[in-house]
Structures are given as C-alpha cells and as structure tokens.
Amino acid sequence: MPEQRWRSAAGRHLPFALVLGVAALGFLRIVQYHWRQGAVLIGVALLVAALLRVLVTDEQAGLIAIRGRSVDALLYSGLGFAVIAVAMTIIGGPLDR
C-alpha cells in the first residue's frame, strides 16, 4: 500500500513541499539580514531536490521533475553547490556579517 500514498494529490507534491520549505527558511534568514546562512539554505534546498530527484520515481517527484532524471539531478546539484560555494567565499564588502 505505500504506492497509494504517492497517488494522492498531496503525496505527489510532498518532495516539492520539502524543497520549498527549506528554501523558505533560506529566504527568511535573508530577510533577517543573515544573507550568507540564507544563501546556504537555498543551496541546500537545491541539493535536497537533486537527492529526491534521484531517489523517487518520475510520478513521485511531482513538481521537481522538469526534465529527465539525470539532467534534473545534475543541474540541481550543480546549482546547489555553486550557490553554497559563492555564499561561503564572499568576503568583505557591505554584506559581510
């Protein structure tokens, strides 16, 4: 019966809701003037999307399935690592905290 859970409308969007929740936490931290933590959380949300895209089927992936599984995983993880790397390596300037 575990397959039945994924057939419901809410179950199909559960992976997207998880990614959206982590990204929302990131935006909340940015609004609270902790831009570096927020950017890292957004990068983590992209890495979670990549992991979920690899682990679940196309039907289960819901809204995180855009292209093929391998292309989605590659692009989500690449952008996630890039966002985290940029956030962690910026030093100085008016945004340094």
C-alpha atoms as a PDB file:
ATOM      1  CA  MET A   1       0.000   0.000   0.000  1.00  0.00           C
ATOM      2  CA  PRO A   2       2.896   2.523   0.108  1.00  0.00           C
ATOM      3  CA  GLU A   3       2.288   3.259  -3.573  1.00  0.00           C
ATOM      4  CA  GLN A   4      -1.217   4.510  -2.731  1.00  0.00           C
ATOM      5  CA  ARG A   5       0.267   7.318  -0.655  1.00  0.00           C
ATOM      6  CA  TRP A   6       2.089   8.707  -3.697  1.00  0.00           C
ATOM      7  CA  ARG A   7      -1.015   8.581  -5.857  1.00  0.00           C
ATOM      8  CA  SER A   8      -2.842  11.164  -3.794  1.00  0.00           C
ATOM      9  CA  ALA A   9      -2.512  14.790  -4.840  1.00  0.00           C
ATOM     10  CA  ALA A  10      -0.791  15.738  -1.592  1.00  0.00           C
ATOM     11  CA  GLY A  11       1.641  12.821  -1.798  1.00  0.00           C
ATOM     12  CA  ARG A  12       2.744  13.762  -5.306  1.00  0.00           C
ATOM     13  CA  HIS A  13       3.716  17.232  -4.130  1.00  0.00           C
ATOM     14  CA  LEU A  14       5.481  16.170  -0.936  1.00  0.00           C
ATOM     15  CA  PRO A  15       9.027  16.327  -2.426  1.00  0.00           C
ATOM     16  CA  PHE A  16       8.344  19.821  -3.780  1.00  0.00           C
ATOM     17  CA  ALA A  17       6.905  20.910  -0.431  1.00  0.00           C
ATOM     18  CA  LEU A  18      10.057  19.733   1.343  1.00  0.00           C
ATOM     19  CA  VAL A  19      12.308  21.652  -1.058  1.00  0.00           C
ATOM     20  CA  LEU A  20      10.058  24.710  -0.844  1.00  0.00           C
ATOM     21  CA  GLY A  21      10.153  24.583   2.955  1.00  0.00           C
ATOM     22  CA  VAL A  22      13.952  24.587   3.078  1.00  0.00           C
ATOM     23  CA  ALA A  23      14.086  27.411   0.520  1.00  0.00           C
ATOM     24  CA  ALA A  24      11.528  29.403   2.538  1.00  0.00           C
ATOM     25  CA  LEU A  25      13.759  29.054   5.608  1.00  0.00           C
ATOM     26  CA  GLY A  26      16.605  30.402   3.497  1.00  0.00           C
ATOM     27  CA  PHE A  27      14.584  33.414   2.385  1.00  0.00           C
ATOM     28  CA  LEU A  28      13.532  34.022   5.986  1.00  0.00           C
ATOM     29  CA  ARG A  29      17.189  34.126   7.072  1.00  0.00           C
ATOM     30  CA  ILE A  30      17.961  36.547   4.228  1.00  0.00           C
ATOM     31  CA  VAL A  31      15.137  38.853   5.330  1.00  0.00           C
ATOM     32  CA  GLN A  32      16.569  38.709   8.866  1.00  0.00           C
ATOM     33  CA  TYR A  33      19.862  40.088   7.479  1.00  0.00           C
ATOM     34  CA  HIS A  34      21.725  36.767   7.637  1.00  0.00           C
ATOM     35  CA  TRP A  35      22.220  36.542   3.881  1.00  0.00           C
ATOM     36  CA  ARG A  36      25.054  34.010   4.000  1.00  0.00           C
ATOM     37  CA  GLN A  37      23.044  31.495   6.042  1.00  0.00           C
ATOM     38  CA  GLY A  38      20.030  32.093   3.827  1.00  0.00           C
ATOM     39  CA  ALA A  39      22.005  31.535   0.640  1.00  0.00           C
ATOM     40  CA  VAL A  40      23.474  28.324   2.035  1.00  0.00           C
ATOM     41  CA  LEU A  41      19.978  27.106   2.916  1.00  0.00           C
ATOM     42  CA  ILE A  42      18.802  27.827  -0.627  1.00  0.00           C
ATOM     43  CA  GLY A  43      21.780  25.828  -1.918  1.00  0.00           C
ATOM     44  CA  VAL A  44      20.854  23.018   0.454  1.00  0.00           C
ATOM     45  CA  ALA A  45      17.285  23.107  -0.880  1.00  0.00           C
ATOM     46  CA  LEU A  46      18.674  22.567  -4.381  1.00  0.00           C
ATOM     47  CA  LEU A  47      20.783  19.651  -3.145  1.00  0.00           C
ATOM     48  CA  VAL A  48      17.718  18.134  -1.477  1.00  0.00           C
ATOM     49  CA  ALA A  49      15.864  18.484  -4.784  1.00  0.00           C
ATOM     50  CA  ALA A  50      18.714  16.682  -6.556  1.00  0.00           C
ATOM     51  CA  LEU A  51      18.713  13.880  -3.998  1.00  0.00           C
ATOM     52  CA  LEU A  52      14.955  13.470  -4.157  1.00  0.00           C
ATOM     53  CA  ARG A  53      15.042  13.518  -7.945  1.00  0.00           C
ATOM     54  CA  VAL A  54      17.468  10.583  -7.898  1.00  0.00           C
ATOM     55  CA  LEU A  55      15.644   8.598  -5.211  1.00  0.00           C
ATOM     56  CA  VAL A  56      11.993   8.851  -6.262  1.00  0.00           C
ATOM     57  CA  THR A  57      10.255   7.881  -9.499  1.00  0.00           C
ATOM     58  CA  ASP A  58       9.064  10.411 -12.058  1.00  0.00           C
ATOM     59  CA  GLU A  59       5.481  10.106 -10.791  1.00  0.00           C
ATOM     60  CA  GLN A  60       6.560  10.554  -7.180  1.00  0.00           C
ATOM     61  CA  ALA A  61       8.812  13.532  -7.940  1.00  0.00           C
ATOM     62  CA  GLY A  62       5.859  15.784  -8.719  1.00  0.00           C
ATOM     63  CA  LEU A  63       6.855  19.375  -9.406  1.00  0.00           C
ATOM     64  CA  ILE A  64      10.611  18.838  -9.019  1.00  0.00           C
ATOM     65  CA  ALA A  65      10.580  16.712 -12.187  1.00  0.00           C
ATOM     66  CA  ILE A  66      11.248  19.096 -15.053  1.00  0.00           C
ATOM     67  CA  ARG A  67      13.497  17.230 -17.483  1.00  0.00           C
ATOM     68  CA  GLY A  68      14.967  13.768 -17.400  1.00  0.00           C
ATOM     69  CA  ARG A  69      16.024  12.378 -14.035  1.00  0.00           C
ATOM     70  CA  SER A  70      19.765  12.597 -14.689  1.00  0.00           C
ATOM     71  CA  VAL A  71      19.585  16.104 -16.162  1.00  0.00           C
ATOM     72  CA  ASP A  72      17.499  17.361 -13.242  1.00  0.00           C
ATOM     73  CA  ALA A  73      19.842  15.816 -10.679  1.00  0.00           C
ATOM     74  CA  LEU A  74      22.915  17.217 -12.417  1.00  0.00           C
ATOM     75  CA  LEU A  75      21.524  20.731 -12.737  1.00  0.00           C
ATOM     76  CA  TYR A  76      20.017  20.881  -9.244  1.00  0.00           C
ATOM     77  CA  SER A  77      23.217  19.637  -7.618  1.00  0.00           C
ATOM     78  CA  GLY A  78      25.481  21.822  -9.750  1.00  0.00           C
ATOM     79  CA  LEU A  79      23.492  24.962  -8.980  1.00  0.00           C
ATOM     80  CA  GLY A  80      23.216  23.989  -5.309  1.00  0.00           C
ATOM     81  CA  PHE A  81      26.982  23.562  -4.945  1.00  0.00           C
ATOM     82  CA  ALA A  82      27.572  26.809  -6.867  1.00  0.00           C
ATOM     83  CA  VAL A  83      25.249  28.815  -4.613  1.00  0.00           C
ATOM     84  CA  ILE A  84      26.863  27.371  -1.480  1.00  0.00           C
ATOM     85  CA  ALA A  85      30.382  27.993  -2.815  1.00  0.00           C
ATOM     86  CA  VAL A  86      29.640  31.610  -3.702  1.00  0.00           C
ATOM     87  CA  ALA A  87      27.948  32.261  -0.359  1.00  0.00           C
ATOM     88  CA  MET A  88      30.854  30.789   1.571  1.00  0.00           C
ATOM     89  CA  THR A  89      33.633  32.532  -0.349  1.00  0.00           C
ATOM     90  CA  ILE A  90      32.403  36.149  -0.469  1.00  0.00           C
ATOM     91  CA  ILE A  91      34.442  38.212   1.971  1.00  0.00           C
ATOM     92  CA  GLY A  92      34.399  41.889   2.808  1.00  0.00           C
ATOM     93  CA  GLY A  93      32.021  44.406   1.333  1.00  0.00           C
ATOM     94  CA  PRO A  94      28.848  45.898   2.745  1.00  0.00           C
ATOM     95  CA  LEU A  95      27.173  42.496   3.162  1.00  0.00           C
ATOM     96  CA  ASP A  96      29.891  40.906   5.267  1.00  0.00           C
ATOM     97  CA  ARG A  97      28.490  39.736   8.617  1.00  0.00           C
END
